[in-house]
Each structure stands twice: as structure tokens, then as C-alpha cells.
Amino acid sequence: MTTSQIDHVSVTTQANVYFDGKCVSHSLTLADGSKKSVGVVLPATLTFSTAAAEIMECVAGGCEYKLAGSDQWLRSDAGHQFSVPANSKFEIRVAQAYHYICHYA
């Protein structure tokens, strides 16, 4: 099931812009203090580093991703998600815009 709306949040209005604009997101803080970000990755192959564990939920589009230590590219499309451990890296390949919610653990 794809998340279509997140209610009762505080939104940081200044965007987080990474990789020369190929990834743009906004940070959210929920009423319970938990954090998320919502954003889009434009066509590119990028490498992200994580501090906290993350669950990447695809809400539109799709991507291929490869977790640190793996040689296998996996697919994530709308309605799917993948988990990335804390203090790790993952690669992402996007052919068309990948819209996501990053749930921080």
C-alpha cells in the first residue's frame, strides 16, 4: 500500500538539494517527534550514505537500488519499499522520476 498523504506534520520549507539538483526533498517532523523526508530523484545513478536506518517507500515512478556489500540491483516501484541499515550506503539508478518517502528508524 502506498502512502498518499501524511497528516499533522511540521514541514521544513527550505528544500534539501543533493547531487546538483538530481535529488530534492523536504524534511517532515510528525506530532510524535518522528522524522521523515519526502522527495524526488531525477534520472541519474547516485550513491547515498545513511546515518540512521531508513525505509525508502516508492510512491510514484520507480528505481533500481543496490545495498552496500551486494552486487545485485533490485527493483522498487510504486507501492514497494526497501530498507537500508544505519551507517551504510546504497546506490540508486533512476530512469524516470522516483518519488519517495524516507522513513527514518
Foldseek 3Di string as FASTA:
>chain_A
DFDDDDPAWDKDPDWDAPDPRQKIWIWIAHPVRFIKIKIKGAADKDKDFAAFKKKKAWQAAWKWKDWPPDPDTDIHHHPGIDIHHHGTMMIIGHPGMTIIMIGGD
